[in-house]
N, C-alpha and C. Protein backbone atom coordinates (compact mmCIF):
# COMPACT_ATOMS: atom_id res chain seq x y z
N MET A 1 131.39 102.57 152.37
CA MET A 1 132.34 102.04 153.44
C MET A 1 133.16 100.87 152.30
N GLN A 2 134.37 101.19 152.39
CA GLN A 2 135.27 100.37 151.58
C GLN A 2 136.32 99.59 152.61
N GLY A 3 137.08 98.60 151.88
CA GLY A 3 138.13 98.20 152.67
C GLY A 3 137.70 97.24 153.82
N ARG A 4 138.82 96.86 154.54
CA ARG A 4 138.52 95.85 155.76
C ARG A 4 138.77 96.42 156.87
N GLN A 5 138.03 96.27 158.01
CA GLN A 5 138.25 96.84 159.33
C GLN A 5 138.10 95.68 160.32
N ASN A 6 139.32 95.46 161.02
CA ASN A 6 139.14 94.43 162.19
C ASN A 6 138.95 95.17 163.50
N ILE A 7 137.93 94.58 164.09
CA ILE A 7 137.54 95.09 165.30
C ILE A 7 137.88 94.16 166.28
N PRO A 8 139.00 94.62 167.20
CA PRO A 8 139.47 93.90 168.21
C PRO A 8 138.66 94.01 169.53
N SER A 9 138.72 92.88 170.38
CA SER A 9 138.06 92.99 171.77
C SER A 9 139.19 93.45 172.82
N GLY A 10 140.59 93.23 172.45
CA GLY A 10 141.78 93.50 173.27
C GLY A 10 141.97 92.23 173.98
N ALA A 11 141.40 91.02 173.93
CA ALA A 11 141.75 89.81 174.46
C ALA A 11 143.02 89.35 174.05
N PRO A 12 144.07 88.92 174.85
CA PRO A 12 145.25 88.49 174.48
C PRO A 12 145.21 87.37 173.49
N TRP A 13 144.14 86.49 173.56
CA TRP A 13 144.34 85.31 172.53
C TRP A 13 144.08 85.64 171.20
N GLU A 14 143.41 86.96 171.00
CA GLU A 14 143.31 87.29 169.56
C GLU A 14 144.58 87.28 168.79
N ASP A 15 145.70 87.71 169.28
CA ASP A 15 147.03 87.54 168.68
C ASP A 15 147.55 86.19 168.57
N ILE A 16 147.14 85.39 169.66
CA ILE A 16 147.75 84.05 169.77
C ILE A 16 147.13 83.05 168.69
N VAL A 17 145.80 83.31 168.65
CA VAL A 17 145.01 82.37 167.77
C VAL A 17 144.86 83.07 166.33
N GLY A 18 144.91 84.37 166.29
CA GLY A 18 145.08 84.95 164.96
C GLY A 18 143.40 85.32 164.53
N TYR A 19 142.70 86.12 165.34
CA TYR A 19 141.27 86.25 164.98
C TYR A 19 140.92 87.73 165.53
N SER A 20 139.71 88.24 165.06
CA SER A 20 139.26 89.62 165.51
C SER A 20 137.88 89.41 166.00
N ARG A 21 137.39 90.19 167.05
CA ARG A 21 136.17 90.11 167.63
C ARG A 21 135.06 90.21 166.50
N ALA A 22 135.48 91.07 165.50
CA ALA A 22 134.41 91.33 164.49
C ALA A 22 135.30 91.71 163.11
N VAL A 23 134.91 91.36 161.90
CA VAL A 23 135.44 91.95 160.79
C VAL A 23 134.46 92.61 159.84
N ARG A 24 134.72 93.82 159.21
CA ARG A 24 133.84 94.56 158.55
C ARG A 24 134.52 94.75 157.12
N ILE A 25 133.91 94.16 156.16
CA ILE A 25 134.21 94.44 154.84
C ILE A 25 133.04 95.08 153.90
N GLY A 26 133.25 96.22 153.37
CA GLY A 26 132.08 96.81 152.81
C GLY A 26 131.01 97.13 153.79
N ASN A 27 129.77 96.73 153.40
CA ASN A 27 128.71 96.94 154.46
C ASN A 27 128.33 95.60 155.12
N VAL A 28 129.21 94.66 155.10
CA VAL A 28 129.13 93.32 155.92
C VAL A 28 129.74 93.38 157.15
N LEU A 29 129.21 92.90 158.03
CA LEU A 29 130.10 92.71 159.31
C LEU A 29 129.66 91.22 159.99
N GLU A 30 130.78 90.64 160.30
CA GLU A 30 130.86 89.36 161.00
C GLU A 30 131.34 89.43 162.16
N VAL A 31 130.54 88.86 163.20
CA VAL A 31 131.01 88.79 164.68
C VAL A 31 131.37 87.47 164.95
N SER A 32 132.58 87.30 165.59
CA SER A 32 132.95 86.08 165.93
C SER A 32 132.16 85.27 167.16
N GLY A 33 132.46 84.06 167.23
CA GLY A 33 131.77 83.47 168.47
C GLY A 33 131.94 84.14 169.68
N THR A 34 130.84 84.26 170.42
CA THR A 34 130.84 85.12 171.58
C THR A 34 130.36 84.40 172.72
N VAL A 35 130.95 84.29 173.84
CA VAL A 35 130.45 83.46 175.06
C VAL A 35 130.13 84.51 176.14
N ALA A 36 129.53 84.05 177.26
CA ALA A 36 128.97 84.79 178.22
C ALA A 36 130.20 84.88 179.28
N VAL A 37 131.07 85.99 179.01
CA VAL A 37 132.35 86.08 179.83
C VAL A 37 132.57 87.61 179.76
N ASP A 38 132.84 87.97 181.12
CA ASP A 38 133.33 89.48 181.10
C ASP A 38 134.56 89.43 181.93
N GLU A 39 135.08 90.72 182.48
CA GLU A 39 136.22 90.75 183.22
C GLU A 39 136.33 89.96 184.38
N GLN A 40 135.07 89.57 185.20
CA GLN A 40 135.01 88.88 186.27
C GLN A 40 134.93 87.38 186.08
N GLY A 41 134.81 86.95 184.89
CA GLY A 41 134.59 85.60 184.56
C GLY A 41 133.25 85.28 183.81
N VAL A 42 132.77 84.00 183.86
CA VAL A 42 131.77 83.50 183.25
C VAL A 42 130.40 84.18 183.81
N VAL A 43 129.53 84.70 183.12
CA VAL A 43 128.25 85.29 183.51
C VAL A 43 127.13 84.15 183.45
N GLY A 44 126.34 84.08 184.32
CA GLY A 44 125.28 83.25 184.32
C GLY A 44 125.59 81.72 184.19
N LYS A 45 126.48 81.47 185.20
CA LYS A 45 126.92 79.95 185.29
C LYS A 45 125.58 79.03 185.39
N GLY A 46 125.57 78.09 184.59
CA GLY A 46 124.62 76.96 184.67
C GLY A 46 123.18 77.46 184.11
N ASP A 47 123.19 78.66 183.50
CA ASP A 47 121.85 79.15 183.23
C ASP A 47 121.92 79.64 181.56
N PHE A 48 121.25 78.70 180.89
CA PHE A 48 121.32 78.95 179.27
C PHE A 48 120.67 80.16 178.93
N TYR A 49 119.53 80.75 179.63
CA TYR A 49 118.87 81.88 179.32
C TYR A 49 119.70 83.09 179.55
N ALA A 50 120.40 83.18 180.96
CA ALA A 50 121.03 84.14 181.29
C ALA A 50 122.40 84.31 180.26
N GLN A 51 122.90 83.22 180.06
CA GLN A 51 124.14 83.48 179.24
C GLN A 51 123.75 83.88 177.92
N THR A 52 122.60 83.44 177.22
CA THR A 52 122.24 83.81 175.78
C THR A 52 121.94 85.46 176.05
N ARG A 53 121.30 85.86 176.89
CA ARG A 53 120.84 87.28 177.01
C ARG A 53 122.26 88.02 177.02
N PHE A 54 123.21 87.79 178.04
CA PHE A 54 124.47 88.22 178.16
C PHE A 54 125.24 88.41 176.77
N ILE A 55 125.19 87.26 176.07
CA ILE A 55 125.85 87.17 174.73
C ILE A 55 125.29 88.26 173.87
N ILE A 56 124.06 88.22 173.67
CA ILE A 56 123.23 89.12 172.52
C ILE A 56 123.68 90.65 173.09
N GLN A 57 123.71 90.95 174.40
CA GLN A 57 124.00 92.26 174.77
C GLN A 57 125.38 92.62 174.57
N LYS A 58 126.32 91.64 174.70
CA LYS A 58 127.61 91.76 174.28
C LYS A 58 128.03 92.04 172.85
N ILE A 59 127.13 91.36 172.01
CA ILE A 59 127.31 91.43 170.50
C ILE A 59 126.82 92.67 170.24
N GLU A 60 125.62 93.23 170.78
CA GLU A 60 125.04 94.52 170.66
C GLU A 60 126.17 95.75 170.74
N GLY A 61 127.04 95.33 171.84
CA GLY A 61 128.07 96.40 171.99
C GLY A 61 128.97 96.40 170.84
N VAL A 62 129.43 95.33 170.25
CA VAL A 62 130.32 95.09 169.15
C VAL A 62 129.60 95.75 167.96
N LEU A 63 128.38 95.41 167.84
CA LEU A 63 127.81 96.07 166.61
C LEU A 63 127.92 97.62 166.62
N ALA A 64 127.63 98.16 167.89
CA ALA A 64 127.66 99.64 168.09
C ALA A 64 128.88 100.04 167.76
N GLN A 65 129.97 99.47 168.20
CA GLN A 65 131.35 99.77 168.09
C GLN A 65 131.62 100.03 166.45
N ALA A 66 131.07 99.26 165.70
CA ALA A 66 131.24 99.27 164.17
C ALA A 66 130.08 100.11 163.42
N GLY A 67 129.35 100.74 164.27
CA GLY A 67 128.21 101.46 163.80
C GLY A 67 126.95 100.73 163.12
N TYR A 68 126.86 99.61 163.82
CA TYR A 68 125.71 98.83 163.45
C TYR A 68 124.69 98.61 164.69
N THR A 69 123.47 97.98 164.44
CA THR A 69 122.55 97.91 165.34
C THR A 69 122.08 96.36 165.17
N LEU A 70 121.36 95.92 166.35
CA LEU A 70 120.67 94.64 166.18
C LEU A 70 119.72 94.58 164.91
N GLU A 71 119.28 95.56 164.44
CA GLU A 71 118.27 95.66 163.37
C GLU A 71 118.94 95.22 162.11
N ASP A 72 120.29 95.51 162.02
CA ASP A 72 121.15 95.08 160.93
C ASP A 72 121.53 93.58 160.84
N VAL A 73 121.23 92.96 161.80
CA VAL A 73 121.57 91.51 161.88
C VAL A 73 120.65 90.67 160.95
N ILE A 74 121.27 89.93 160.00
CA ILE A 74 120.48 89.24 159.23
C ILE A 74 120.73 87.69 159.37
N ARG A 75 121.63 87.19 160.21
CA ARG A 75 121.89 85.94 160.56
C ARG A 75 122.30 85.62 161.88
N THR A 76 121.91 84.83 162.69
CA THR A 76 122.41 84.31 164.01
C THR A 76 122.62 82.82 163.96
N ARG A 77 123.84 82.47 164.62
CA ARG A 77 124.27 81.14 164.68
C ARG A 77 124.61 80.81 166.21
N THR A 78 123.68 79.92 166.94
CA THR A 78 123.75 79.74 168.23
C THR A 78 124.23 78.29 168.40
N TYR A 79 125.32 78.14 169.19
CA TYR A 79 125.78 76.74 169.57
C TYR A 79 125.62 76.40 170.99
N VAL A 80 124.95 75.35 171.37
CA VAL A 80 124.68 75.08 172.69
C VAL A 80 125.13 73.77 173.05
N THR A 81 125.40 73.44 174.22
CA THR A 81 125.88 72.32 174.77
C THR A 81 124.75 71.31 175.24
N ASP A 82 123.61 71.78 175.14
CA ASP A 82 122.41 70.86 175.29
C ASP A 82 121.24 71.34 174.70
N ILE A 83 120.88 70.83 173.51
CA ILE A 83 119.76 71.31 172.70
C ILE A 83 118.33 71.09 173.39
N ARG A 84 118.30 70.43 174.51
CA ARG A 84 117.07 70.26 175.32
C ARG A 84 116.83 71.68 175.98
N GLN A 85 117.76 72.58 176.08
CA GLN A 85 117.61 73.97 176.67
C GLN A 85 117.13 74.78 175.33
N TRP A 86 116.70 74.43 174.51
CA TRP A 86 116.35 75.33 173.29
C TRP A 86 115.32 76.43 173.50
N GLU A 87 114.39 76.03 174.64
CA GLU A 87 113.41 77.01 174.75
C GLU A 87 113.90 78.22 175.61
N ALA A 88 114.89 78.01 176.60
CA ALA A 88 115.56 79.00 177.30
C ALA A 88 116.32 79.90 176.40
N VAL A 89 116.97 79.14 175.52
CA VAL A 89 117.88 80.00 174.59
C VAL A 89 117.21 80.70 173.47
N GLY A 90 115.95 80.10 173.07
CA GLY A 90 115.17 80.77 172.18
C GLY A 90 114.19 82.00 172.73
N LYS A 91 113.96 81.86 174.16
CA LYS A 91 113.17 82.99 174.78
C LYS A 91 114.17 84.14 174.72
N ALA A 92 115.52 83.90 175.08
CA ALA A 92 116.30 85.10 175.16
C ALA A 92 116.51 85.69 173.88
N HIS A 93 116.78 84.96 172.81
CA HIS A 93 116.85 85.33 171.33
C HIS A 93 115.74 86.08 171.05
N GLY A 94 114.44 85.64 171.33
CA GLY A 94 113.37 86.34 170.94
C GLY A 94 113.17 87.67 171.55
N GLU A 95 113.61 87.81 172.85
CA GLU A 95 113.52 89.01 173.41
C GLU A 95 114.27 90.22 172.52
N PHE A 96 115.21 89.77 171.96
CA PHE A 96 115.95 90.73 171.12
C PHE A 96 115.55 90.88 169.61
N PHE A 97 115.27 89.75 169.14
CA PHE A 97 115.09 89.54 167.52
C PHE A 97 113.72 89.26 167.12
N ARG A 98 112.75 89.25 168.17
CA ARG A 98 111.30 88.95 167.89
C ARG A 98 110.82 89.54 166.54
N ASN A 99 111.11 90.91 166.42
CA ASN A 99 110.62 91.64 165.33
C ASN A 99 111.66 91.88 163.99
N ILE A 100 112.82 91.64 164.36
CA ILE A 100 113.87 91.55 163.44
C ILE A 100 113.91 90.39 162.50
N LYS A 101 113.65 89.20 163.17
CA LYS A 101 113.62 87.91 162.53
C LYS A 101 114.71 87.60 161.62
N PRO A 102 116.21 87.58 162.13
CA PRO A 102 117.29 87.21 161.19
C PRO A 102 117.02 85.64 160.94
N ALA A 103 117.65 85.22 159.92
CA ALA A 103 117.81 83.80 159.69
C ALA A 103 118.74 83.17 160.82
N THR A 104 118.43 82.12 161.32
CA THR A 104 119.04 81.38 162.64
C THR A 104 119.20 79.94 162.46
N SER A 105 120.17 79.64 163.17
CA SER A 105 120.38 77.99 163.33
C SER A 105 120.69 78.03 164.90
N MET A 106 120.32 76.80 165.60
CA MET A 106 120.73 76.52 166.82
C MET A 106 121.40 74.93 166.82
N ILE A 107 122.63 74.80 167.15
CA ILE A 107 123.34 73.56 166.87
C ILE A 107 123.78 73.14 168.26
N GLN A 108 123.74 71.97 168.47
CA GLN A 108 124.19 71.34 169.77
C GLN A 108 125.65 70.86 169.41
N VAL A 109 126.59 71.21 170.37
CA VAL A 109 128.02 70.94 170.17
C VAL A 109 128.47 70.18 171.43
N SER A 110 129.64 69.51 171.25
CA SER A 110 129.92 68.65 172.62
C SER A 110 130.72 69.55 173.79
N GLY A 111 131.04 70.75 173.39
CA GLY A 111 131.54 71.48 174.33
C GLY A 111 132.30 72.70 174.03
N PHE A 112 132.78 73.61 174.76
CA PHE A 112 133.50 74.84 174.41
C PHE A 112 134.87 74.84 175.20
N ILE A 113 135.58 75.85 174.98
CA ILE A 113 136.92 75.75 175.65
C ILE A 113 136.91 75.63 177.21
N ALA A 114 135.91 76.32 177.69
CA ALA A 114 135.58 76.25 179.26
C ALA A 114 134.38 75.51 179.44
N PRO A 115 134.29 74.65 180.34
CA PRO A 115 133.04 73.88 180.62
C PRO A 115 131.96 74.66 181.12
N GLU A 116 132.08 75.80 181.59
CA GLU A 116 131.19 76.73 182.17
C GLU A 116 130.36 77.33 180.89
N TYR A 117 130.99 77.40 179.80
CA TYR A 117 130.39 78.23 178.68
C TYR A 117 129.28 76.95 178.25
N LEU A 118 128.00 77.35 178.24
CA LEU A 118 126.80 76.83 177.67
C LEU A 118 126.45 77.10 176.40
N VAL A 119 126.55 78.40 176.07
CA VAL A 119 126.15 78.95 174.67
C VAL A 119 127.17 79.74 173.98
N GLU A 120 127.21 79.59 172.67
CA GLU A 120 128.14 80.78 171.83
C GLU A 120 127.40 80.95 170.74
N MET A 121 127.54 82.31 170.47
CA MET A 121 126.73 82.86 169.27
C MET A 121 127.64 83.66 168.38
N GLU A 122 127.40 83.60 167.06
CA GLU A 122 127.98 84.39 166.01
C GLU A 122 126.88 85.09 165.33
N VAL A 123 127.03 86.33 164.82
CA VAL A 123 126.15 87.09 163.85
C VAL A 123 126.81 87.49 162.60
N THR A 124 125.91 87.68 161.68
CA THR A 124 126.36 88.44 160.43
C THR A 124 125.32 89.73 160.38
N ALA A 125 125.86 90.82 160.10
CA ALA A 125 125.00 92.07 159.96
C ALA A 125 125.42 92.84 158.57
N ILE A 126 124.34 93.20 158.11
CA ILE A 126 124.58 94.01 156.80
C ILE A 126 123.98 95.44 157.01
N LYS A 127 124.69 96.39 156.66
CA LYS A 127 124.28 97.76 156.53
C LYS A 127 123.65 98.13 155.20
N GLN A 128 122.42 98.64 155.33
CA GLN A 128 121.60 98.92 154.01
C GLN A 128 122.16 100.28 153.53
């Protein structure tokens, strides 16, 4: 795998802001910050656990599009609006990554673009 591959989501703001859903260079894939939103709007309103599960499933789809799996994830970064909800977020994270055990961080932030977003996650994956 050589060169750069930008993987778009098709969201209109990608061109406005200037980013891609994910970028692959060589065997490294970086997935942009992902929130719990689909075509109908925010998924899991008010629920840290539900948002985290949805986000990881959404990221899993992006990974698959690029030819990766969750097993290729070496790092997760999870941003939350309330660190007191770490157990709910951690429970969802553990359901997907318990055996993979990527390096991880959970960081409290003051907020996201939409106040309904409670969690945002980025991942780094490397194909062996």
